[in-house]
Amino acid sequence: MAPITQHRGIQGAYRKGWDAAMSGQLQAACPYRDYRTSRGRITFSRVFRRAWVEGYRDAQAVFVGPKRESRAIIASSGGISGLAN
């Protein structure tokens, strides 16, 4: 699900997260860091980090989720003859 915002930067962060998941990168590869002020307060950088992570997780849910389920079904049924599990 795409972010509900008109802010192009946030939309871009979401798309980059989606693209990262599709290219097989780890979620830890998020380029947006959690910057804090000198007093430890959060900054607006969290918005971009969250958008990237949401894009990553949405792509995982759409494209990786079904693959994991199908592997579990194949494994529970004893596998496919002639193929290694």
PDB file of N, CA and C in Angstrom:
ATOM      1  N   MET A   1       0.842  -1.168   0.000  1.00  0.00           N
ATOM      2  CA  MET A   1       0.000   0.000   0.000  1.00  0.00           C
ATOM      3  C   MET A   1       0.889   1.233   0.000  1.00  0.00           C
ATOM      4  N   ALA A   2       0.687   2.104  -0.917  1.00  0.00           N
ATOM      5  CA  ALA A   2       1.495   3.319  -1.030  1.00  0.00           C
ATOM      6  C   ALA A   2       1.172   4.285   0.107  1.00  0.00           C
ATOM      7  N   PRO A   3       2.152   5.126   0.468  1.00  0.00           N
ATOM      8  CA  PRO A   3       1.891   6.073   1.549  1.00  0.00           C
ATOM      9  C   PRO A   3       0.822   7.077   1.151  1.00  0.00           C
ATOM     10  N   ILE A   4      -0.004   7.440   2.104  1.00  0.00           N
ATOM     11  CA  ILE A   4      -1.073   8.396   1.832  1.00  0.00           C
ATOM     12  C   ILE A   4      -0.523   9.781   2.132  1.00  0.00           C
ATOM     13  N   THR A   5       0.139  10.362   1.161  1.00  0.00           N
ATOM     14  CA  THR A   5       0.728  11.684   1.308  1.00  0.00           C
ATOM     15  C   THR A   5       0.991  12.282  -0.065  1.00  0.00           C
ATOM     16  N   GLN A   6       1.049  13.579  -0.105  1.00  0.00           N
ATOM     17  CA  GLN A   6       1.397  14.270  -1.342  1.00  0.00           C
ATOM     18  C   GLN A   6       2.863  14.677  -1.347  1.00  0.00           C
ATOM     19  N   HIS A   7       3.569  14.441  -0.260  1.00  0.00           N
ATOM     20  CA  HIS A   7       4.968  14.840  -0.133  1.00  0.00           C
ATOM     21  C   HIS A   7       5.824  13.941  -1.009  1.00  0.00           C
ATOM     22  N   ARG A   8       6.463  14.525  -2.000  1.00  0.00           N
ATOM     23  CA  ARG A   8       7.226  13.739  -2.974  1.00  0.00           C
ATOM     24  C   ARG A   8       8.424  13.033  -2.345  1.00  0.00           C
ATOM     25  N   GLY A   9       9.020  13.663  -1.338  1.00  0.00           N
ATOM     26  CA  GLY A   9      10.162  13.034  -0.675  1.00  0.00           C
ATOM     27  C   GLY A   9       9.771  11.767   0.063  1.00  0.00           C
ATOM     28  N   ILE A  10       8.629  11.801   0.722  1.00  0.00           N
ATOM     29  CA  ILE A  10       8.155  10.620   1.450  1.00  0.00           C
ATOM     30  C   ILE A  10       7.751   9.530   0.466  1.00  0.00           C
ATOM     31  N   GLN A  11       7.113   9.918  -0.624  1.00  0.00           N
ATOM     32  CA  GLN A  11       6.759   8.939  -1.656  1.00  0.00           C
ATOM     33  C   GLN A  11       8.021   8.302  -2.236  1.00  0.00           C
ATOM     34  N   GLY A  12       9.067   9.110  -2.409  1.00  0.00           N
ATOM     35  CA  GLY A  12      10.334   8.591  -2.931  1.00  0.00           C
ATOM     36  C   GLY A  12      10.984   7.612  -1.968  1.00  0.00           C
ATOM     37  N   ALA A  13      10.926   7.910  -0.676  1.00  0.00           N
ATOM     38  CA  ALA A  13      11.500   7.001   0.319  1.00  0.00           C
ATOM     39  C   ALA A  13      10.754   5.670   0.312  1.00  0.00           C
ATOM     40  N   TYR A  14       9.430   5.725   0.197  1.00  0.00           N
ATOM     41  CA  TYR A  14       8.620   4.504   0.134  1.00  0.00           C
ATOM     42  C   TYR A  14       9.017   3.675  -1.095  1.00  0.00           C
ATOM     43  N   ARG A  15       9.135   4.336  -2.239  1.00  0.00           N
ATOM     44  CA  ARG A  15       9.501   3.643  -3.477  1.00  0.00           C
ATOM     45  C   ARG A  15      10.892   3.027  -3.373  1.00  0.00           C
ATOM     46  N   LYS A  16      11.820   3.740  -2.745  1.00  0.00           N
ATOM     47  CA  LYS A  16      13.172   3.195  -2.580  1.00  0.00           C
ATOM     48  C   LYS A  16      13.168   1.973  -1.672  1.00  0.00           C
ATOM     49  N   GLY A  17      12.324   1.983  -0.656  1.00  0.00           N
ATOM     50  CA  GLY A  17      12.194   0.808   0.202  1.00  0.00           C
ATOM     51  C   GLY A  17      11.626  -0.373  -0.565  1.00  0.00           C
ATOM     52  N   TRP A  18      10.619  -0.100  -1.380  1.00  0.00           N
ATOM     53  CA  TRP A  18      10.004  -1.132  -2.222  1.00  0.00           C
ATOM     54  C   TRP A  18      11.059  -1.723  -3.164  1.00  0.00           C
ATOM     55  N   ASP A  19      11.816  -0.838  -3.817  1.00  0.00           N
ATOM     56  CA  ASP A  19      12.839  -1.283  -4.763  1.00  0.00           C
ATOM     57  C   ASP A  19      13.925  -2.104  -4.067  1.00  0.00           C
ATOM     58  N   ALA A  20      14.288  -1.704  -2.851  1.00  0.00           N
ATOM     59  CA  ALA A  20      15.313  -2.437  -2.107  1.00  0.00           C
ATOM     60  C   ALA A  20      14.847  -3.862  -1.809  1.00  0.00           C
ATOM     61  N   ALA A  21      13.606  -4.005  -1.410  1.00  0.00           N
ATOM     62  CA  ALA A  21      13.072  -5.348  -1.133  1.00  0.00           C
ATOM     63  C   ALA A  21      13.042  -6.180  -2.405  1.00  0.00           C
ATOM     64  N   MET A  22      12.660  -5.564  -3.505  1.00  0.00           N
ATOM     65  CA  MET A  22      12.562  -6.293  -4.767  1.00  0.00           C
ATOM     66  C   MET A  22      13.934  -6.706  -5.291  1.00  0.00           C
ATOM     67  N   SER A  23      14.982  -5.956  -4.926  1.00  0.00           N
ATOM     68  CA  SER A  23      16.321  -6.304  -5.398  1.00  0.00           C
ATOM     69  C   SER A  23      17.050  -7.241  -4.426  1.00  0.00           C
ATOM     70  N   GLY A  24      16.358  -7.642  -3.354  1.00  0.00           N
ATOM     71  CA  GLY A  24      16.918  -8.626  -2.450  1.00  0.00           C
ATOM     72  C   GLY A  24      17.780  -8.070  -1.333  1.00  0.00           C
ATOM     73  N   GLN A  25      17.776  -6.762  -1.130  1.00  0.00           N
ATOM     74  CA  GLN A  25      18.555  -6.179  -0.045  1.00  0.00           C
ATOM     75  C   GLN A  25      17.908  -6.492   1.300  1.00  0.00           C
ATOM     76  N   LEU A  26      18.685  -6.395   2.342  1.00  0.00           N
ATOM     77  CA  LEU A  26      18.174  -6.589   3.691  1.00  0.00           C
ATOM     78  C   LEU A  26      17.524  -5.305   4.187  1.00  0.00           C
ATOM     79  N   GLN A  27      16.601  -5.439   5.122  1.00  0.00           N
ATOM     80  CA  GLN A  27      15.944  -4.262   5.677  1.00  0.00           C
ATOM     81  C   GLN A  27      16.952  -3.362   6.394  1.00  0.00           C
ATOM     82  N   ALA A  28      18.021  -3.931   6.894  1.00  0.00           N
ATOM     83  CA  ALA A  28      19.068  -3.157   7.570  1.00  0.00           C
ATOM     84  C   ALA A  28      19.790  -2.208   6.617  1.00  0.00           C
ATOM     85  N   ALA A  29      19.572  -2.349   5.323  1.00  0.00           N
ATOM     86  CA  ALA A  29      20.210  -1.488   4.333  1.00  0.00           C
ATOM     87  C   ALA A  29      19.521  -0.133   4.187  1.00  0.00           C
ATOM     88  N   CYS A  30      18.541   0.132   5.011  1.00  0.00           N
ATOM     89  CA  CYS A  30      17.813   1.408   4.939  1.00  0.00           C
ATOM     90  C   CYS A  30      18.791   2.574   5.041  1.00  0.00           C
ATOM     91  N   PRO A  31      18.787   3.473   4.066  1.00  0.00           N
ATOM     92  CA  PRO A  31      19.739   4.588   4.077  1.00  0.00           C
ATOM     93  C   PRO A  31      19.343   5.723   5.015  1.00  0.00           C
ATOM     94  N   TYR A  32      18.147   5.692   5.541  1.00  0.00           N
ATOM     95  CA  TYR A  32      17.656   6.768   6.399  1.00  0.00           C
ATOM     96  C   TYR A  32      17.930   6.416   7.862  1.00  0.00           C
ATOM     97  N   ARG A  33      18.713   7.227   8.515  1.00  0.00           N
ATOM     98  CA  ARG A  33      19.084   6.984   9.901  1.00  0.00           C
ATOM     99  C   ARG A  33      18.139   7.718  10.845  1.00  0.00           C
ATOM    100  N   ASP A  34      18.081   7.257  12.072  1.00  0.00           N
ATOM    101  CA  ASP A  34      17.240   7.853  13.100  1.00  0.00           C
ATOM    102  C   ASP A  34      18.043   8.953  13.802  1.00  0.00           C
ATOM    103  N   TYR A  35      18.044  10.136  13.205  1.00  0.00           N
ATOM    104  CA  TYR A  35      18.784  11.248  13.786  1.00  0.00           C
ATOM    105  C   TYR A  35      18.028  11.819  14.971  1.00  0.00           C
ATOM    106  N   ARG A  36      18.768  12.181  16.002  1.00  0.00           N
ATOM    107  CA  ARG A  36      18.188  12.769  17.201  1.00  0.00           C
ATOM    108  C   ARG A  36      18.862  14.114  17.465  1.00  0.00           C
ATOM    109  N   THR A  37      18.159  14.969  18.169  1.00  0.00           N
ATOM    110  CA  THR A  37      18.750  16.251  18.547  1.00  0.00           C
ATOM    111  C   THR A  37      19.750  16.020  19.672  1.00  0.00           C
ATOM    112  N   SER A  38      20.482  17.056  20.030  1.00  0.00           N
ATOM    113  CA  SER A  38      21.464  16.925  21.112  1.00  0.00           C
ATOM    114  C   SER A  38      20.795  16.587  22.443  1.00  0.00           C
ATOM    115  N   ARG A  39      19.515  16.894  22.562  1.00  0.00           N
ATOM    116  CA  ARG A  39      18.768  16.563  23.775  1.00  0.00           C
ATOM    117  C   ARG A  39      18.113  15.180  23.694  1.00  0.00           C
ATOM    118  N   GLY A  40      18.297  14.488  22.604  1.00  0.00           N
ATOM    119  CA  GLY A  40      17.741  13.154  22.464  1.00  0.00           C
ATOM    120  C   GLY A  40      16.347  13.106  21.859  1.00  0.00           C
ATOM    121  N   ARG A  41      15.829  14.251  21.464  1.00  0.00           N
ATOM    122  CA  ARG A  41      14.496  14.273  20.861  1.00  0.00           C
ATOM    123  C   ARG A  41      14.550  13.779  19.423  1.00  0.00           C
ATOM    124  N   ILE A  42      13.431  13.230  18.986  1.00  0.00           N
ATOM    125  CA  ILE A  42      13.373  12.710  17.621  1.00  0.00           C
ATOM    126  C   ILE A  42      13.271  13.864  16.628  1.00  0.00           C
ATOM    127  N   THR A  43      13.653  13.593  15.386  1.00  0.00           N
ATOM    128  CA  THR A  43      13.596  14.589  14.326  1.00  0.00           C
ATOM    129  C   THR A  43      12.701  14.084  13.198  1.00  0.00           C
ATOM    130  N   PHE A  44      12.536  14.900  12.180  1.00  0.00           N
ATOM    131  CA  PHE A  44      11.687  14.557  11.039  1.00  0.00           C
ATOM    132  C   PHE A  44      12.274  13.408  10.224  1.00  0.00           C
ATOM    133  N   SER A  45      13.541  13.057  10.472  1.00  0.00           N
ATOM    134  CA  SER A  45      14.174  11.967   9.721  1.00  0.00           C
ATOM    135  C   SER A  45      13.429  10.655   9.908  1.00  0.00           C
ATOM    136  N   ARG A  46      12.727  10.516  11.019  1.00  0.00           N
ATOM    137  CA  ARG A  46      11.969   9.282  11.265  1.00  0.00           C
ATOM    138  C   ARG A  46      10.864   9.072  10.246  1.00  0.00           C
ATOM    139  N   VAL A  47      10.326  10.135   9.713  1.00  0.00           N
ATOM    140  CA  VAL A  47       9.253  10.014   8.720  1.00  0.00           C
ATOM    141  C   VAL A  47       9.785   9.309   7.482  1.00  0.00           C
ATOM    142  N   PHE A  48      10.972   9.701   7.035  1.00  0.00           N
ATOM    143  CA  PHE A  48      11.558   9.085   5.845  1.00  0.00           C
ATOM    144  C   PHE A  48      11.951   7.637   6.125  1.00  0.00           C
ATOM    145  N   ARG A  49      12.492   7.387   7.300  1.00  0.00           N
ATOM    146  CA  ARG A  49      12.851   6.008   7.661  1.00  0.00           C
ATOM    147  C   ARG A  49      11.615   5.122   7.690  1.00  0.00           C
ATOM    148  N   ARG A  50      10.549   5.627   8.282  1.00  0.00           N
ATOM    149  CA  ARG A  50       9.324   4.830   8.363  1.00  0.00           C
ATOM    150  C   ARG A  50       8.740   4.574   6.980  1.00  0.00           C
ATOM    151  N   ALA A  51       8.749   5.580   6.108  1.00  0.00           N
ATOM    152  CA  ALA A  51       8.229   5.396   4.746  1.00  0.00           C
ATOM    153  C   ALA A  51       9.039   4.338   4.005  1.00  0.00           C
ATOM    154  N   TRP A  52      10.371   4.368   4.162  1.00  0.00           N
ATOM    155  CA  TRP A  52      11.222   3.378   3.498  1.00  0.00           C
ATOM    156  C   TRP A  52      10.898   1.983   4.010  1.00  0.00           C
ATOM    157  N   VAL A  53      10.790   1.828   5.325  1.00  0.00           N
ATOM    158  CA  VAL A  53      10.510   0.522   5.928  1.00  0.00           C
ATOM    159  C   VAL A  53       9.123   0.033   5.507  1.00  0.00           C
ATOM    160  N   GLU A  54       8.145   0.918   5.447  1.00  0.00           N
ATOM    161  CA  GLU A  54       6.805   0.505   5.003  1.00  0.00           C
ATOM    162  C   GLU A  54       6.828   0.035   3.555  1.00  0.00           C
ATOM    163  N   GLY A  55       7.557   0.733   2.697  1.00  0.00           N
ATOM    164  CA  GLY A  55       7.690   0.290   1.315  1.00  0.00           C
ATOM    165  C   GLY A  55       8.357  -1.065   1.226  1.00  0.00           C
ATOM    166  N   TYR A  56       9.385  -1.256   2.037  1.00  0.00           N
ATOM    167  CA  TYR A  56      10.097  -2.534   2.072  1.00  0.00           C
ATOM    168  C   TYR A  56       9.171  -3.655   2.522  1.00  0.00           C
ATOM    169  N   ARG A  57       8.458  -3.421   3.607  1.00  0.00           N
ATOM    170  CA  ARG A  57       7.571  -4.462   4.145  1.00  0.00           C
ATOM    171  C   ARG A  57       6.392  -4.739   3.232  1.00  0.00           C
ATOM    172  N   ASP A  58       5.868  -3.721   2.581  1.00  0.00           N
ATOM    173  CA  ASP A  58       4.762  -3.946   1.646  1.00  0.00           C
ATOM    174  C   ASP A  58       5.204  -4.815   0.476  1.00  0.00           C
ATOM    175  N   ALA A  59       6.409  -4.548  -0.047  1.00  0.00           N
ATOM    176  CA  ALA A  59       6.926  -5.375  -1.143  1.00  0.00           C
ATOM    177  C   ALA A  59       7.146  -6.800  -0.680  1.00  0.00           C
ATOM    178  N   GLN A  60       7.670  -6.955   0.527  1.00  0.00           N
ATOM    179  CA  GLN A  60       7.868  -8.297   1.082  1.00  0.00           C
ATOM    180  C   GLN A  60       6.539  -9.036   1.208  1.00  0.00           C
ATOM    181  N   ALA A  61       5.531  -8.338   1.681  1.00  0.00           N
ATOM    182  CA  ALA A  61       4.219  -8.966   1.871  1.00  0.00           C
ATOM    183  C   ALA A  61       3.597  -9.379   0.546  1.00  0.00           C
ATOM    184  N   VAL A  62       3.792  -8.571  -0.476  1.00  0.00           N
ATOM    185  CA  VAL A  62       3.173  -8.853  -1.769  1.00  0.00           C
ATOM    186  C   VAL A  62       3.931  -9.939  -2.521  1.00  0.00           C
ATOM    187  N   PHE A  63       5.265  -9.868  -2.525  1.00  0.00           N
ATOM    188  CA  PHE A  63       6.031 -10.763  -3.386  1.00  0.00           C
ATOM    189  C   PHE A  63       6.756 -11.884  -2.666  1.00  0.00           C
ATOM    190  N   VAL A  64       7.180 -11.700  -1.455  1.00  0.00           N
ATOM    191  CA  VAL A  64       7.918 -12.738  -0.752  1.00  0.00           C
ATOM    192  C   VAL A  64       6.972 -13.628   0.041  1.00  0.00           C
ATOM    193  N   GLY A  65       5.931 -13.054   0.606  1.00  0.00           N
ATOM    194  CA  GLY A  65       4.986 -13.811   1.415  1.00  0.00           C
ATOM    195  C   GLY A  65       4.437 -15.042   0.721  1.00  0.00           C
ATOM    196  N   PRO A  66       3.890 -14.914  -0.488  1.00  0.00           N
ATOM    197  CA  PRO A  66       3.347 -16.094  -1.169  1.00  0.00           C
ATOM    198  C   PRO A  66       4.399 -17.163  -1.447  1.00  0.00           C
ATOM    199  N   LYS A  67       5.646 -16.756  -1.703  1.00  0.00           N
ATOM    200  CA  LYS A  67       6.697 -17.741  -1.954  1.00  0.00           C
ATOM    201  C   LYS A  67       6.962 -18.559  -0.701  1.00  0.00           C
ATOM    202  N   ARG A  68       7.006 -17.886   0.441  1.00  0.00           N
ATOM    203  CA  ARG A  68       7.234 -18.614   1.688  1.00  0.00           C
ATOM    204  C   ARG A  68       6.100 -19.590   1.956  1.00  0.00           C
ATOM    205  N   GLU A  69       4.865 -19.165   1.706  1.00  0.00           N
ATOM    206  CA  GLU A  69       3.720 -20.039   1.928  1.00  0.00           C
ATOM    207  C   GLU A  69       3.777 -21.241   1.004  1.00  0.00           C
ATOM    208  N   SER A  70       4.122 -21.031  -0.260  1.00  0.00           N
ATOM    209  CA  SER A  70       4.159 -22.145  -1.200  1.00  0.00           C
ATOM    210  C   SER A  70       5.274 -23.116  -0.839  1.00  0.00           C
ATOM    211  N   ARG A  71       6.391 -22.615  -0.318  1.00  0.00           N
ATOM    212  CA  ARG A  71       7.464 -23.512   0.114  1.00  0.00           C
ATOM    213  C   ARG A  71       7.007 -24.354   1.293  1.00  0.00           C
ATOM    214  N   ALA A  72       6.255 -23.750   2.210  1.00  0.00           N
ATOM    215  CA  ALA A  72       5.758 -24.492   3.365  1.00  0.00           C
ATOM    216  C   ALA A  72       4.783 -25.572   2.936  1.00  0.00           C
ATOM    217  N   ILE A  73       3.952 -25.274   1.964  1.00  0.00           N
ATOM    218  CA  ILE A  73       2.991 -26.251   1.463  1.00  0.00           C
ATOM    219  C   ILE A  73       3.721 -27.409   0.791  1.00  0.00           C
ATOM    220  N   ILE A  74       4.723 -27.082  -0.002  1.00  0.00           N
ATOM    221  CA  ILE A  74       5.496 -28.120  -0.686  1.00  0.00           C
ATOM    222  C   ILE A  74       6.222 -28.990   0.335  1.00  0.00           C
ATOM    223  N   ALA A  75       6.833 -28.357   1.349  1.00  0.00           N
ATOM    224  CA  ALA A  75       7.573 -29.108   2.364  1.00  0.00           C
ATOM    225  C   ALA A  75       6.642 -30.011   3.169  1.00  0.00           C
ATOM    226  N   SER A  76       5.453 -29.508   3.510  1.00  0.00           N
ATOM    227  CA  SER A  76       4.534 -30.312   4.315  1.00  0.00           C
ATOM    228  C   SER A  76       3.931 -31.461   3.530  1.00  0.00           C
ATOM    229  N   SER A  77       3.948 -31.348   2.206  1.00  0.00           N
ATOM    230  CA  SER A  77       3.382 -32.422   1.396  1.00  0.00           C
ATOM    231  C   SER A  77       4.431 -33.450   0.991  1.00  0.00           C
ATOM    232  N   GLY A  78       5.638 -33.286   1.493  1.00  0.00           N
ATOM    233  CA  GLY A  78       6.688 -34.250   1.172  1.00  0.00           C
ATOM    234  C   GLY A  78       7.532 -33.834   0.006  1.00  0.00           C
ATOM    235  N   GLY A  79       7.346 -32.633  -0.509  1.00  0.00           N
ATOM    236  CA  GLY A  79       8.172 -32.125  -1.599  1.00  0.00           C
ATOM    237  C   GLY A  79       7.628 -32.508  -2.959  1.00  0.00           C
ATOM    238  N   ILE A  80       8.338 -32.045  -3.947  1.00  0.00           N
ATOM    239  CA  ILE A  80       7.997 -32.352  -5.325  1.00  0.00           C
ATOM    240  C   ILE A  80       8.994 -33.389  -5.808  1.00  0.00           C
ATOM    241  N   SER A  81       8.513 -34.493  -6.342  1.00  0.00           N
ATOM    242  CA  SER A  81       9.417 -35.571  -6.753  1.00  0.00           C
ATOM    243  C   SER A  81      10.386 -35.065  -7.820  1.00  0.00           C
ATOM    244  N   GLY A  82      11.646 -35.391  -7.607  1.00  0.00           N
ATOM    245  CA  GLY A  82      12.677 -34.995  -8.564  1.00  0.00           C
ATOM    246  C   GLY A  82      13.319 -33.666  -8.225  1.00  0.00           C
ATOM    247  N   LEU A  83      12.778 -32.934  -7.262  1.00  0.00           N
ATOM    248  CA  LEU A  83      13.365 -31.650  -6.888  1.00  0.00           C
ATOM    249  C   LEU A  83      13.849 -31.725  -5.448  1.00  0.00           C
ATOM    250  N   ALA A  84      14.980 -31.105  -5.202  1.00  0.00           N
ATOM    251  CA  ALA A  84      15.498 -31.040  -3.831  1.00  0.00           C
ATOM    252  C   ALA A  84      14.767 -29.936  -3.077  1.00  0.00           C
ATOM    253  N   ASN A  85      14.450 -30.182  -1.823  1.00  0.00           N
ATOM    254  CA  ASN A  85      13.769 -29.168  -0.998  1.00  0.00           C
ATOM    255  C   ASN A  85      14.747 -28.230  -0.378  1.00  0.00           C
TER     256      ASN A  85
END
